[in-house]
PDB file of N, CA and C in Angstrom:
ATOM      1  N   UNK A   1     155.944  79.246 -39.405  1.00  0.00           N
ATOM      2  CA  UNK A   1     156.976  79.472 -40.397  1.00  0.00           C
ATOM      3  C   UNK A   1     156.519  78.844 -41.704  1.00  0.00           C
ATOM      4  N   UNK A   2     156.644  79.589 -42.774  1.00  0.00           N
ATOM      5  CA  UNK A   2     156.274  79.079 -44.094  1.00  0.00           C
ATOM      6  C   UNK A   2     157.549  78.690 -44.829  1.00  0.00           C
ATOM      7  N   UNK A   3     157.586  77.487 -45.336  1.00  0.00           N
ATOM      8  CA  UNK A   3     158.739  77.039 -46.100  1.00  0.00           C
ATOM      9  C   UNK A   3     158.605  77.543 -47.523  1.00  0.00           C
ATOM     10  N   UNK A   4     159.694  78.076 -48.060  1.00  0.00           N
ATOM     11  CA  UNK A   4     159.692  78.604 -49.421  1.00  0.00           C
ATOM     12  C   UNK A   4     160.579  77.759 -50.301  1.00  0.00           C
ATOM     13  N   UNK A   5     160.445  77.982 -51.590  1.00  0.00           N
ATOM     14  CA  UNK A   5     161.344  77.318 -52.523  1.00  0.00           C
ATOM     15  C   UNK A   5     162.749  77.884 -52.345  1.00  0.00           C
ATOM     16  N   UNK A   6     163.734  77.092 -52.629  1.00  0.00           N
ATOM     17  CA  UNK A   6     165.121  77.505 -52.457  1.00  0.00           C
ATOM     18  C   UNK A   6     165.516  78.532 -53.514  1.00  0.00           C
ATOM     19  N   UNK A   7     166.282  79.546 -53.083  1.00  0.00           N
ATOM     20  CA  UNK A   7     166.807  80.534 -54.019  1.00  0.00           C
ATOM     21  C   UNK A   7     167.933  79.915 -54.821  1.00  0.00           C
ATOM     22  N   UNK A   8     168.082  80.350 -56.053  1.00  0.00           N
ATOM     23  CA  UNK A   8     169.110  79.798 -56.935  1.00  0.00           C
ATOM     24  C   UNK A   8     170.104  80.868 -57.391  1.00  0.00           C
ATOM     25  N   UNK A   9     170.183  82.016 -56.683  1.00  0.00           N
ATOM     26  CA  UNK A   9     171.024  83.099 -57.157  1.00  0.00           C
ATOM     27  C   UNK A   9     172.522  82.826 -57.009  1.00  0.00           C
ATOM     28  N   UNK A  10     172.954  82.156 -55.992  1.00  0.00           N
ATOM     29  CA  UNK A  10     174.355  81.796 -55.797  1.00  0.00           C
ATOM     30  C   UNK A  10     174.455  80.278 -55.664  1.00  0.00           C
ATOM     31  N   UNK A  11     175.585  79.711 -56.051  1.00  0.00           N
ATOM     32  CA  UNK A  11     175.710  78.253 -55.899  1.00  0.00           C
ATOM     33  C   UNK A  11     175.697  77.876 -54.419  1.00  0.00           C
ATOM     34  N   UNK A  12     175.135  76.738 -54.094  1.00  0.00           N
ATOM     35  CA  UNK A  12     175.093  76.317 -52.694  1.00  0.00           C
ATOM     36  C   UNK A  12     176.500  76.039 -52.153  1.00  0.00           C
ATOM     37  N   UNK A  13     176.642  76.241 -50.870  1.00  0.00           N
ATOM     38  CA  UNK A  13     177.907  76.012 -50.168  1.00  0.00           C
ATOM     39  C   UNK A  13     177.605  75.093 -48.999  1.00  0.00           C
ATOM     40  N   UNK A  14     178.446  74.110 -48.804  1.00  0.00           N
ATOM     41  CA  UNK A  14     178.237  73.184 -47.695  1.00  0.00           C
ATOM     42  C   UNK A  14     178.804  73.783 -46.420  1.00  0.00           C
ATOM     43  N   UNK A  15     178.007  73.761 -45.369  1.00  0.00           N
ATOM     44  CA  UNK A  15     178.401  74.249 -44.059  1.00  0.00           C
ATOM     45  C   UNK A  15     178.154  73.115 -43.074  1.00  0.00           C
ATOM     46  N   UNK A  16     179.185  72.723 -42.400  1.00  0.00           N
ATOM     47  CA  UNK A  16     179.059  71.601 -41.469  1.00  0.00           C
ATOM     48  C   UNK A  16     179.035  72.142 -40.047  1.00  0.00           C
ATOM     49  N   UNK A  17     178.002  71.768 -39.289  1.00  0.00           N
ATOM     50  CA  UNK A  17     177.821  72.256 -37.925  1.00  0.00           C
ATOM     51  C   UNK A  17     177.689  71.103 -36.951  1.00  0.00           C
ATOM     52  N   UNK A  18     178.105  71.355 -35.743  1.00  0.00           N
ATOM     53  CA  UNK A  18     177.832  70.433 -34.646  1.00  0.00           C
ATOM     54  C   UNK A  18     176.882  71.158 -33.711  1.00  0.00           C
ATOM     55  N   UNK A  19     175.699  70.591 -33.540  1.00  0.00           N
ATOM     56  CA  UNK A  19     174.676  71.199 -32.703  1.00  0.00           C
ATOM     57  C   UNK A  19     174.639  70.538 -31.338  1.00  0.00           C
ATOM     58  N   UNK A  20     174.259  71.310 -30.324  1.00  0.00           N
ATOM     59  CA  UNK A  20     174.011  70.668 -29.035  1.00  0.00           C
ATOM     60  C   UNK A  20     172.862  69.670 -29.202  1.00  0.00           C
ATOM     61  N   UNK A  21     172.911  68.567 -28.472  1.00  0.00           N
ATOM     62  CA  UNK A  21     171.901  67.521 -28.592  1.00  0.00           C
ATOM     63  C   UNK A  21     170.492  68.030 -28.368  1.00  0.00           C
ATOM     64  N   UNK A  22     170.330  68.947 -27.416  1.00  0.00           N
ATOM     65  CA  UNK A  22     168.989  69.456 -27.125  1.00  0.00           C
ATOM     66  C   UNK A  22     168.449  70.294 -28.286  1.00  0.00           C
ATOM     67  N   UNK A  23     169.321  71.019 -28.974  1.00  0.00           N
ATOM     68  CA  UNK A  23     168.880  71.795 -30.128  1.00  0.00           C
ATOM     69  C   UNK A  23     168.484  70.881 -31.278  1.00  0.00           C
ATOM     70  N   UNK A  24     169.254  69.837 -31.500  1.00  0.00           N
ATOM     71  CA  UNK A  24     168.921  68.859 -32.549  1.00  0.00           C
ATOM     72  C   UNK A  24     167.591  68.182 -32.231  1.00  0.00           C
ATOM     73  N   UNK A  25     167.373  67.859 -30.970  1.00  0.00           N
ATOM     74  CA  UNK A  25     166.104  67.239 -30.576  1.00  0.00           C
ATOM     75  C   UNK A  25     164.938  68.201 -30.826  1.00  0.00           C
ATOM     76  N   UNK A  26     165.124  69.481 -30.497  1.00  0.00           N
ATOM     77  CA  UNK A  26     164.081  70.483 -30.754  1.00  0.00           C
ATOM     78  C   UNK A  26     163.837  70.645 -32.244  1.00  0.00           C
ATOM     79  N   UNK A  27     164.886  70.624 -33.034  1.00  0.00           N
ATOM     80  CA  UNK A  27     164.757  70.733 -34.484  1.00  0.00           C
ATOM     81  C   UNK A  27     163.979  69.540 -35.039  1.00  0.00           C
ATOM     82  N   UNK A  28     164.309  68.356 -34.582  1.00  0.00           N
ATOM     83  CA  UNK A  28     163.578  67.161 -35.014  1.00  0.00           C
ATOM     84  C   UNK A  28     162.102  67.234 -34.601  1.00  0.00           C
ATOM     85  N   UNK A  29     161.867  67.740 -33.406  1.00  0.00           N
ATOM     86  CA  UNK A  29     160.493  67.892 -32.934  1.00  0.00           C
ATOM     87  C   UNK A  29     159.744  68.907 -33.797  1.00  0.00           C
ATOM     88  N   UNK A  30     160.431  69.977 -34.205  1.00  0.00           N
ATOM     89  CA  UNK A  30     159.824  70.995 -35.063  1.00  0.00           C
ATOM     90  C   UNK A  30     159.480  70.414 -36.434  1.00  0.00           C
ATOM     91  N   UNK A  31     160.342  69.556 -36.944  1.00  0.00           N
ATOM     92  CA  UNK A  31     160.055  68.871 -38.211  1.00  0.00           C
ATOM     93  C   UNK A  31     158.774  68.046 -38.066  1.00  0.00           C
ATOM     94  N   UNK A  32     158.621  67.375 -36.951  1.00  0.00           N
ATOM     95  CA  UNK A  32     157.402  66.608 -36.683  1.00  0.00           C
ATOM     96  C   UNK A  32     156.178  67.514 -36.614  1.00  0.00           C
ATOM     97  N   UNK A  33     156.335  68.659 -35.958  1.00  0.00           N
ATOM     98  CA  UNK A  33     155.249  69.634 -35.878  1.00  0.00           C
ATOM     99  C   UNK A  33     154.843  70.100 -37.277  1.00  0.00           C
ATOM    100  N   UNK A  34     155.813  70.429 -38.119  1.00  0.00           N
ATOM    101  CA  UNK A  34     155.506  70.869 -39.482  1.00  0.00           C
ATOM    102  C   UNK A  34     154.793  69.774 -40.264  1.00  0.00           C
ATOM    103  N   UNK A  35     155.239  68.545 -40.083  1.00  0.00           N
ATOM    104  CA  UNK A  35     154.603  67.420 -40.769  1.00  0.00           C
ATOM    105  C   UNK A  35     153.137  67.300 -40.351  1.00  0.00           C
ATOM    106  N   UNK A  36     152.902  67.402 -39.045  1.00  0.00           N
ATOM    107  CA  UNK A  36     151.531  67.278 -38.534  1.00  0.00           C
ATOM    108  C   UNK A  36     150.651  68.450 -38.949  1.00  0.00           C
ATOM    109  N   UNK A  37     151.200  69.661 -38.946  1.00  0.00           N
ATOM    110  CA  UNK A  37     150.370  70.833 -39.224  1.00  0.00           C
ATOM    111  C   UNK A  37     150.241  71.141 -40.713  1.00  0.00           C
ATOM    112  N   UNK A  38     151.287  70.878 -41.504  1.00  0.00           N
ATOM    113  CA  UNK A  38     151.245  71.186 -42.937  1.00  0.00           C
ATOM    114  C   UNK A  38     150.962  69.961 -43.797  1.00  0.00           C
ATOM    115  N   UNK A  39     151.033  68.781 -43.166  1.00  0.00           N
ATOM    116  CA  UNK A  39     150.849  67.519 -43.907  1.00  0.00           C
ATOM    117  C   UNK A  39     151.814  67.462 -45.084  1.00  0.00           C
ATOM    118  N   UNK A  40     153.063  67.783 -44.786  1.00  0.00           N
ATOM    119  CA  UNK A  40     154.094  67.838 -45.828  1.00  0.00           C
ATOM    120  C   UNK A  40     155.377  67.223 -45.283  1.00  0.00           C
ATOM    121  N   UNK A  41     156.016  66.431 -46.126  1.00  0.00           N
ATOM    122  CA  UNK A  41     157.294  65.843 -45.729  1.00  0.00           C
ATOM    123  C   UNK A  41     158.395  66.901 -45.846  1.00  0.00           C
ATOM    124  N   UNK A  42     159.221  66.984 -44.845  1.00  0.00           N
ATOM    125  CA  UNK A  42     160.374  67.876 -44.860  1.00  0.00           C
ATOM    126  C   UNK A  42     161.450  67.241 -43.995  1.00  0.00           C
ATOM    127  N   UNK A  43     162.607  67.855 -43.957  1.00  0.00           N
ATOM    128  CA  UNK A  43     163.672  67.312 -43.119  1.00  0.00           C
ATOM    129  C   UNK A  43     164.339  68.442 -42.338  1.00  0.00           C
ATOM    130  N   UNK A  44     165.165  68.068 -41.381  1.00  0.00           N
ATOM    131  CA  UNK A  44     165.806  69.044 -40.508  1.00  0.00           C
ATOM    132  C   UNK A  44     166.677  70.018 -41.302  1.00  0.00           C
ATOM    133  N   UNK A  45     167.319  69.529 -42.349  1.00  0.00           N
ATOM    134  CA  UNK A  45     168.179  70.402 -43.157  1.00  0.00           C
ATOM    135  C   UNK A  45     167.371  71.527 -43.791  1.00  0.00           C
ATOM    136  N   UNK A  46     166.253  71.193 -44.419  1.00  0.00           N
ATOM    137  CA  UNK A  46     165.419  72.204 -45.071  1.00  0.00           C
ATOM    138  C   UNK A  46     164.882  73.211 -44.052  1.00  0.00           C
ATOM    139  N   UNK A  47     164.455  72.712 -42.904  1.00  0.00           N
ATOM    140  CA  UNK A  47     163.919  73.577 -41.858  1.00  0.00           C
ATOM    141  C   UNK A  47     165.014  74.496 -41.316  1.00  0.00           C
ATOM    142  N   UNK A  48     166.195  73.953 -41.067  1.00  0.00           N
ATOM    143  CA  UNK A  48     167.292  74.762 -40.540  1.00  0.00           C
ATOM    144  C   UNK A  48     167.696  75.857 -41.530  1.00  0.00           C
ATOM    145  N   UNK A  49     167.709  75.544 -42.813  1.00  0.00           N
ATOM    146  CA  UNK A  49     168.045  76.547 -43.828  1.00  0.00           C
ATOM    147  C   UNK A  49     167.031  77.685 -43.793  1.00  0.00           C
ATOM    148  N   UNK A  50     165.740  77.350 -43.732  1.00  0.00           N
ATOM    149  CA  UNK A  50     164.705  78.384 -43.690  1.00  0.00           C
ATOM    150  C   UNK A  50     164.783  79.205 -42.413  1.00  0.00           C
ATOM    151  N   UNK A  51     165.093  78.552 -41.293  1.00  0.00           N
ATOM    152  CA  UNK A  51     165.213  79.275 -40.029  1.00  0.00           C
ATOM    153  C   UNK A  51     166.375  80.268 -40.074  1.00  0.00           C
ATOM    154  N   UNK A  52     167.516  79.825 -40.566  1.00  0.00           N
ATOM    155  CA  UNK A  52     168.674  80.717 -40.675  1.00  0.00           C
ATOM    156  C   UNK A  52     168.394  81.876 -41.623  1.00  0.00           C
ATOM    157  N   UNK A  53     167.774  81.568 -42.751  1.00  0.00           N
ATOM    158  CA  UNK A  53     167.424  82.597 -43.730  1.00  0.00           C
ATOM    159  C   UNK A  53     166.502  83.635 -43.100  1.00  0.00           C
ATOM    160  N   UNK A  54     165.467  83.167 -42.408  1.00  0.00           N
ATOM    161  CA  UNK A  54     164.524  84.068 -41.755  1.00  0.00           C
ATOM    162  C   UNK A  54     165.225  84.909 -40.691  1.00  0.00           C
ATOM    163  N   UNK A  55     166.086  84.303 -39.922  1.00  0.00           N
ATOM    164  CA  UNK A  55     166.808  85.021 -38.866  1.00  0.00           C
ATOM    165  C   UNK A  55     167.632  86.157 -39.455  1.00  0.00           C
ATOM    166  N   UNK A  56     168.386  85.873 -40.499  1.00  0.00           N
ATOM    167  CA  UNK A  56     169.246  86.893 -41.113  1.00  0.00           C
ATOM    168  C   UNK A  56     168.402  88.000 -41.747  1.00  0.00           C
ATOM    169  N   UNK A  57     167.334  87.615 -42.456  1.00  0.00           N
ATOM    170  CA  UNK A  57     166.493  88.601 -43.136  1.00  0.00           C
ATOM    171  C   UNK A  57     165.696  89.477 -42.170  1.00  0.00           C
ATOM    172  N   UNK A  58     165.398  88.980 -40.975  1.00  0.00           N
ATOM    173  CA  UNK A  58     164.557  89.732 -40.043  1.00  0.00           C
ATOM    174  C   UNK A  58     165.359  90.544 -39.026  1.00  0.00           C
ATOM    175  N   UNK A  59     166.662  90.455 -39.024  1.00  0.00           N
ATOM    176  CA  UNK A  59     167.487  91.197 -38.069  1.00  0.00           C
ATOM    177  C   UNK A  59     167.619  92.649 -38.535  1.00  0.00           C
ATOM    178  N   UNK A  60     166.901  93.577 -37.878  1.00  0.00           N
ATOM    179  CA  UNK A  60     166.900  94.984 -38.285  1.00  0.00           C
ATOM    180  C   UNK A  60     168.277  95.622 -38.208  1.00  0.00           C
ATOM    181  N   UNK A  61     169.018  95.325 -37.163  1.00  0.00           N
ATOM    182  CA  UNK A  61     170.354  95.906 -37.032  1.00  0.00           C
ATOM    183  C   UNK A  61     171.252  95.453 -38.183  1.00  0.00           C
ATOM    184  N   UNK A  62     171.178  94.183 -38.522  1.00  0.00           N
ATOM    185  CA  UNK A  62     171.980  93.668 -39.629  1.00  0.00           C
ATOM    186  C   UNK A  62     171.577  94.324 -40.941  1.00  0.00           C
ATOM    187  N   UNK A  63     170.259  94.451 -41.185  1.00  0.00           N
ATOM    188  CA  UNK A  63     169.791  95.094 -42.421  1.00  0.00           C
ATOM    189  C   UNK A  63     170.286  96.529 -42.505  1.00  0.00           C
ATOM    190  N   UNK A  64     170.244  97.257 -41.378  1.00  0.00           N
ATOM    191  CA  UNK A  64     170.744  98.632 -41.347  1.00  0.00           C
ATOM    192  C   UNK A  64     172.231  98.689 -41.638  1.00  0.00           C
ATOM    193  N   UNK A  65     172.986  97.800 -41.013  1.00  0.00           N
ATOM    194  CA  UNK A  65     174.429  97.742 -41.232  1.00  0.00           C
ATOM    195  C   UNK A  65     174.739  97.433 -42.689  1.00  0.00           C
ATOM    196  N   UNK A  66     174.023  96.454 -43.241  1.00  0.00           N
ATOM    197  CA  UNK A  66     174.231  96.059 -44.630  1.00  0.00           C
ATOM    198  C   UNK A  66     173.881  97.212 -45.572  1.00  0.00           C
ATOM    199  N   UNK A  67     172.780  97.891 -45.290  1.00  0.00           N
ATOM    200  CA  UNK A  67     172.339  99.009 -46.125  1.00  0.00           C
ATOM    201  C   UNK A  67     173.378 100.134 -46.120  1.00  0.00           C
ATOM    202  N   UNK A  68     173.900 100.463 -44.940  1.00  0.00           N
ATOM    203  CA  UNK A  68     174.936 101.501 -44.848  1.00  0.00           C
ATOM    204  C   UNK A  68     176.179 101.087 -45.627  1.00  0.00           C
ATOM    205  N   UNK A  69     176.575  99.843 -45.463  1.00  0.00           N
ATOM    206  CA  UNK A  69     177.776  99.343 -46.136  1.00  0.00           C
ATOM    207  C   UNK A  69     177.601  99.359 -47.646  1.00  0.00           C
ATOM    208  N   UNK A  70     176.461  98.844 -48.118  1.00  0.00           N
ATOM    209  CA  UNK A  70     176.209  98.807 -49.559  1.00  0.00           C
ATOM    210  C   UNK A  70     175.994 100.203 -50.102  1.00  0.00           C
ATOM    211  N   UNK A  71     175.296 101.046 -49.355  1.00  0.00           N
ATOM    212  CA  UNK A  71     175.075 102.427 -49.778  1.00  0.00           C
ATOM    213  C   UNK A  71     176.377 103.190 -49.856  1.00  0.00           C
ATOM    214  N   UNK A  72     177.275 102.945 -48.913  1.00  0.00           N
ATOM    215  CA  UNK A  72     178.582 103.605 -48.922  1.00  0.00           C
ATOM    216  C   UNK A  72     179.396 103.193 -50.126  1.00  0.00           C
ATOM    217  N   UNK A  73     179.369 101.914 -50.458  1.00  0.00           N
ATOM    218  CA  UNK A  73     180.109 101.427 -51.633  1.00  0.00           C
ATOM    219  C   UNK A  73     179.500 101.992 -52.902  1.00  0.00           C
ATOM    220  N   UNK A  74     178.167 102.080 -52.931  1.00  0.00           N
ATOM    221  CA  UNK A  74     177.487 102.610 -54.118  1.00  0.00           C
ATOM    222  C   UNK A  74     177.817 104.089 -54.299  1.00  0.00           C
ATOM    223  N   UNK A  75     177.805 104.858 -53.204  1.00  0.00           N
ATOM    224  CA  UNK A  75     178.135 106.289 -53.294  1.00  0.00           C
ATOM    225  C   UNK A  75     179.571 106.487 -53.736  1.00  0.00           C
ATOM    226  N   UNK A  76     180.479 105.649 -53.251  1.00  0.00           N
ATOM    227  CA  UNK A  76     181.882 105.746 -53.636  1.00  0.00           C
ATOM    228  C   UNK A  76     182.035 105.484 -55.135  1.00  0.00           C
ATOM    229  N   UNK A  77     181.335 104.460 -55.657  1.00  0.00           N
ATOM    230  CA  UNK A  77     181.413 104.159 -57.085  1.00  0.00           C
ATOM    231  C   UNK A  77     180.843 105.317 -57.904  1.00  0.00           C
ATOM    232  N   UNK A  78     179.739 105.911 -57.442  1.00  0.00           N
ATOM    233  CA  UNK A  78     179.150 107.041 -58.159  1.00  0.00           C
ATOM    234  C   UNK A  78     180.105 108.228 -58.155  1.00  0.00           C
ATOM    235  N   UNK A  79     180.761 108.474 -57.031  1.00  0.00           N
ATOM    236  CA  UNK A  79     181.724 109.573 -56.926  1.00  0.00           C
ATOM    237  C   UNK A  79     182.903 109.337 -57.864  1.00  0.00           C
ATOM    238  N   UNK A  80     183.395 108.092 -57.904  1.00  0.00           N
ATOM    239  CA  UNK A  80     184.512 107.771 -58.786  1.00  0.00           C
ATOM    240  C   UNK A  80     184.118 107.931 -60.247  1.00  0.00           C
ATOM    241  N   UNK A  81     182.885 107.504 -60.589  1.00  0.00           N
ATOM    242  CA  UNK A  81     182.406 107.665 -61.963  1.00  0.00           C
ATOM    243  C   UNK A  81     182.310 109.139 -62.317  1.00  0.00           C
ATOM    244  N   UNK A  82     181.782 109.937 -61.376  1.00  0.00           N
ATOM    245  CA  UNK A  82     181.628 111.371 -61.615  1.00  0.00           C
ATOM    246  C   UNK A  82     183.009 112.025 -61.770  1.00  0.00           C
ATOM    247  N   UNK A  83     183.942 111.668 -60.908  1.00  0.00           N
ATOM    248  CA  UNK A  83     185.294 112.230 -60.972  1.00  0.00           C
ATOM    249  C   UNK A  83     185.998 111.779 -62.246  1.00  0.00           C
ATOM    250  N   UNK A  84     185.770 110.545 -62.637  1.00  0.00           N
ATOM    251  CA  UNK A  84     186.367 110.039 -63.872  1.00  0.00           C
ATOM    252  C   UNK A  84     185.823 110.788 -65.079  1.00  0.00           C
ATOM    253  N   UNK A  85     184.540 111.046 -65.103  1.00  0.00           N
ATOM    254  CA  UNK A  85     183.914 111.793 -66.205  1.00  0.00           C
ATOM    255  C   UNK A  85     184.401 113.223 -66.211  1.00  0.00           C
ATOM    256  N   UNK A  86     184.538 113.840 -65.026  1.00  0.00           N
ATOM    257  CA  UNK A  86     185.030 115.207 -64.958  1.00  0.00           C
ATOM    258  C   UNK A  86     186.475 115.286 -65.400  1.00  0.00           C
ATOM    259  N   UNK A  87     187.261 114.277 -65.018  1.00  0.00           N
ATOM    260  CA  UNK A  87     188.665 114.246 -65.427  1.00  0.00           C
ATOM    261  C   UNK A  87     188.784 114.074 -66.931  1.00  0.00           C
ATOM    262  N   UNK A  88     187.910 113.293 -67.520  1.00  0.00           N
ATOM    263  CA  UNK A  88     187.948 113.080 -68.968  1.00  0.00           C
ATOM    264  C   UNK A  88     187.571 114.369 -69.681  1.00  0.00           C
ATOM    265  N   UNK A  89     186.675 115.166 -69.097  1.00  0.00           N
ATOM    266  CA  UNK A  89     186.275 116.429 -69.730  1.00  0.00           C
ATOM    267  C   UNK A  89     187.405 117.435 -69.696  1.00  0.00           C
ATOM    268  N   UNK A  90     188.221 117.416 -68.632  1.00  0.00           N
ATOM    269  CA  UNK A  90     189.334 118.343 -68.502  1.00  0.00           C
ATOM    270  C   UNK A  90     190.443 118.032 -69.488  1.00  0.00           C
ATOM    271  N   UNK A  91     190.620 116.784 -69.854  1.00  0.00           N
ATOM    272  CA  UNK A  91     191.723 116.382 -70.709  1.00  0.00           C
ATOM    273  C   UNK A  91     191.590 116.887 -72.105  1.00  0.00           C
TER     274      UNK A  91
END
């Protein structure tokens, strides 16, 4: 996993989670692995953010669902604009 710089497009939002102890231990171990392999200081928070981001971005079903939803909204706006322009021409 490659750590990237944080996106700044939306303001950050605090999300508080309670993790199972074994997951937290694995996350801490992963931070140690990254430190050893990349020779870079990081923390569990930064790693968890990148993992969640990667998970959401790589889910094909979610991307398809999002694309349909956004495409549907975009088509509706285009239709409304077209109907509005046609209505203005009739007036």
